[in-house]
């Protein structure tokens, strides 16, 4: 579970983003959020958990 402080920072950035940013530049909005978290002292790293192999759906 994410700490409430991190959620508050993410929510504030999403609320400040324009609809155009959210629709047409979601990557830029995500970078802004990551930057704000890092500037506030949060460590933003990739998750090292490996996802298992996918199995095809069975057809009936």
N, C-alpha and C. Protein backbone atom coordinates (compact mmCIF):
# COMPACT_ATOMS: atom_id res chain seq x y z
N UNK A 1 0.85 -1.18 0.00
CA UNK A 1 0.00 0.00 0.00
C UNK A 1 0.89 1.24 0.00
N UNK A 2 0.51 2.23 -0.79
CA UNK A 2 1.26 3.48 -0.85
C UNK A 2 0.93 4.36 0.35
N UNK A 3 1.93 5.04 0.89
CA UNK A 3 1.66 5.97 1.98
C UNK A 3 0.76 7.12 1.54
N UNK A 4 0.00 7.63 2.46
CA UNK A 4 -0.95 8.70 2.16
C UNK A 4 -0.26 9.94 1.60
N UNK A 5 0.95 10.23 2.05
CA UNK A 5 1.67 11.40 1.55
C UNK A 5 1.98 11.28 0.06
N UNK A 6 2.36 10.09 -0.37
CA UNK A 6 2.64 9.88 -1.79
C UNK A 6 1.37 10.00 -2.60
N UNK A 7 0.28 9.45 -2.10
CA UNK A 7 -1.01 9.55 -2.79
C UNK A 7 -1.42 11.01 -2.92
N UNK A 8 -1.19 11.79 -1.89
CA UNK A 8 -1.56 13.21 -1.92
C UNK A 8 -0.76 13.96 -2.99
N UNK A 9 0.53 13.65 -3.12
CA UNK A 9 1.35 14.30 -4.14
C UNK A 9 0.88 13.92 -5.54
N UNK A 10 0.59 12.64 -5.74
CA UNK A 10 0.12 12.17 -7.05
C UNK A 10 -1.21 12.83 -7.40
N UNK A 11 -2.10 12.85 -6.43
CA UNK A 11 -3.43 13.44 -6.68
C UNK A 11 -3.32 14.93 -7.01
N UNK A 12 -2.46 15.65 -6.29
CA UNK A 12 -2.30 17.08 -6.55
C UNK A 12 -1.78 17.32 -7.97
N UNK A 13 -0.83 16.52 -8.41
CA UNK A 13 -0.31 16.68 -9.77
C UNK A 13 -1.37 16.34 -10.81
N UNK A 14 -2.15 15.30 -10.57
CA UNK A 14 -3.21 14.95 -11.51
C UNK A 14 -4.27 16.03 -11.58
N UNK A 15 -4.59 16.63 -10.43
CA UNK A 15 -5.58 17.70 -10.41
C UNK A 15 -5.07 18.95 -11.12
N UNK A 16 -3.75 19.18 -11.08
CA UNK A 16 -3.17 20.34 -11.74
C UNK A 16 -3.01 20.14 -13.25
N UNK A 17 -2.98 18.89 -13.68
CA UNK A 17 -2.79 18.60 -15.11
C UNK A 17 -4.05 18.98 -15.88
N UNK A 18 -3.83 19.44 -17.10
CA UNK A 18 -4.98 19.78 -17.94
C UNK A 18 -5.54 18.50 -18.57
N UNK A 19 -6.74 18.58 -19.05
CA UNK A 19 -7.36 17.43 -19.73
C UNK A 19 -6.53 17.04 -20.94
N UNK A 20 -6.02 18.02 -21.66
CA UNK A 20 -5.18 17.75 -22.82
C UNK A 20 -3.92 16.98 -22.45
N UNK A 21 -3.30 17.37 -21.34
CA UNK A 21 -2.12 16.64 -20.88
C UNK A 21 -2.46 15.19 -20.57
N UNK A 22 -3.56 14.99 -19.88
CA UNK A 22 -3.95 13.63 -19.49
C UNK A 22 -4.30 12.78 -20.71
N UNK A 23 -4.96 13.38 -21.70
CA UNK A 23 -5.39 12.62 -22.87
C UNK A 23 -4.28 12.44 -23.90
N UNK A 24 -3.50 13.49 -24.13
CA UNK A 24 -2.56 13.47 -25.25
C UNK A 24 -1.10 13.35 -24.82
N UNK A 25 -0.80 13.59 -23.56
CA UNK A 25 0.58 13.51 -23.09
C UNK A 25 0.65 12.80 -21.73
N UNK A 26 0.09 11.59 -21.65
CA UNK A 26 0.09 10.90 -20.36
C UNK A 26 1.50 10.60 -19.85
N UNK A 27 2.43 10.34 -20.76
CA UNK A 27 3.81 10.08 -20.35
C UNK A 27 4.44 11.30 -19.70
N UNK A 28 4.15 12.48 -20.25
CA UNK A 28 4.67 13.72 -19.68
C UNK A 28 4.09 13.94 -18.29
N UNK A 29 2.81 13.66 -18.14
CA UNK A 29 2.17 13.81 -16.83
C UNK A 29 2.79 12.83 -15.83
N UNK A 30 3.06 11.61 -16.26
CA UNK A 30 3.70 10.63 -15.39
C UNK A 30 5.10 11.08 -14.98
N UNK A 31 5.84 11.68 -15.92
CA UNK A 31 7.17 12.19 -15.60
C UNK A 31 7.09 13.32 -14.57
N UNK A 32 6.09 14.19 -14.71
CA UNK A 32 5.91 15.27 -13.73
C UNK A 32 5.66 14.69 -12.35
N UNK A 33 4.81 13.65 -12.28
CA UNK A 33 4.50 13.04 -10.99
C UNK A 33 5.74 12.40 -10.40
N UNK A 34 6.51 11.67 -11.21
CA UNK A 34 7.74 11.04 -10.72
C UNK A 34 8.72 12.10 -10.23
N UNK A 35 8.82 13.22 -10.95
CA UNK A 35 9.72 14.30 -10.54
C UNK A 35 9.29 14.91 -9.20
N UNK A 36 8.01 15.13 -9.04
CA UNK A 36 7.50 15.71 -7.79
C UNK A 36 7.77 14.76 -6.62
N UNK A 37 7.53 13.47 -6.83
CA UNK A 37 7.81 12.50 -5.77
C UNK A 37 9.29 12.49 -5.40
N UNK A 38 10.16 12.48 -6.42
CA UNK A 38 11.60 12.49 -6.17
C UNK A 38 12.04 13.77 -5.47
N UNK A 39 11.48 14.91 -5.88
CA UNK A 39 11.83 16.19 -5.26
C UNK A 39 11.41 16.24 -3.79
N UNK A 40 10.37 15.49 -3.45
CA UNK A 40 9.90 15.45 -2.07
C UNK A 40 10.63 14.40 -1.24
N UNK A 41 11.61 13.71 -1.87
CA UNK A 41 12.41 12.75 -1.13
C UNK A 41 12.03 11.29 -1.31
N UNK A 42 11.03 11.02 -2.14
CA UNK A 42 10.64 9.64 -2.40
C UNK A 42 11.62 9.02 -3.38
N UNK A 43 11.89 7.75 -3.23
CA UNK A 43 12.75 7.03 -4.15
C UNK A 43 11.86 6.32 -5.17
N UNK A 44 12.06 6.67 -6.42
CA UNK A 44 11.26 6.07 -7.50
C UNK A 44 12.16 5.08 -8.22
N UNK A 45 11.86 3.78 -8.09
CA UNK A 45 12.67 2.75 -8.74
C UNK A 45 11.76 1.75 -9.44
N UNK A 46 12.35 0.99 -10.33
CA UNK A 46 11.60 -0.06 -11.00
C UNK A 46 11.39 -1.22 -10.04
N UNK A 47 10.28 -1.91 -10.20
CA UNK A 47 9.98 -3.08 -9.40
C UNK A 47 10.71 -4.26 -10.01
N UNK A 48 11.51 -4.97 -9.20
CA UNK A 48 12.29 -6.09 -9.71
C UNK A 48 11.52 -7.41 -9.73
N UNK A 49 10.27 -7.38 -9.36
CA UNK A 49 9.50 -8.61 -9.37
C UNK A 49 9.31 -9.09 -10.80
N UNK A 50 9.55 -10.35 -10.99
CA UNK A 50 9.40 -10.93 -12.32
C UNK A 50 8.00 -11.51 -12.48
N UNK A 51 7.41 -11.20 -13.59
CA UNK A 51 6.09 -11.74 -13.89
C UNK A 51 6.31 -13.07 -14.60
N UNK A 52 5.56 -14.07 -14.19
CA UNK A 52 5.71 -15.40 -14.78
C UNK A 52 5.28 -15.44 -16.23
N UNK A 53 5.58 -16.53 -16.91
CA UNK A 53 5.22 -16.63 -18.32
C UNK A 53 3.72 -16.67 -18.51
N UNK A 54 3.27 -16.08 -19.57
CA UNK A 54 1.84 -16.07 -19.87
C UNK A 54 1.47 -17.38 -20.56
N UNK A 55 0.33 -17.86 -20.25
CA UNK A 55 -0.17 -19.07 -20.91
C UNK A 55 -1.35 -18.68 -21.78
N UNK A 56 -1.44 -19.28 -22.96
CA UNK A 56 -2.56 -18.92 -23.83
C UNK A 56 -3.88 -19.36 -23.23
N UNK A 57 -4.92 -18.62 -23.56
CA UNK A 57 -6.26 -18.95 -23.09
C UNK A 57 -6.71 -20.25 -23.75
N UNK A 58 -7.44 -21.04 -23.00
CA UNK A 58 -7.96 -22.29 -23.56
C UNK A 58 -9.17 -21.98 -24.41
N UNK A 59 -9.25 -22.62 -25.56
CA UNK A 59 -10.43 -22.45 -26.39
C UNK A 59 -11.34 -23.65 -26.20
N UNK A 60 -12.58 -23.37 -26.08
CA UNK A 60 -13.57 -24.47 -25.84
C UNK A 60 -14.42 -24.66 -27.02
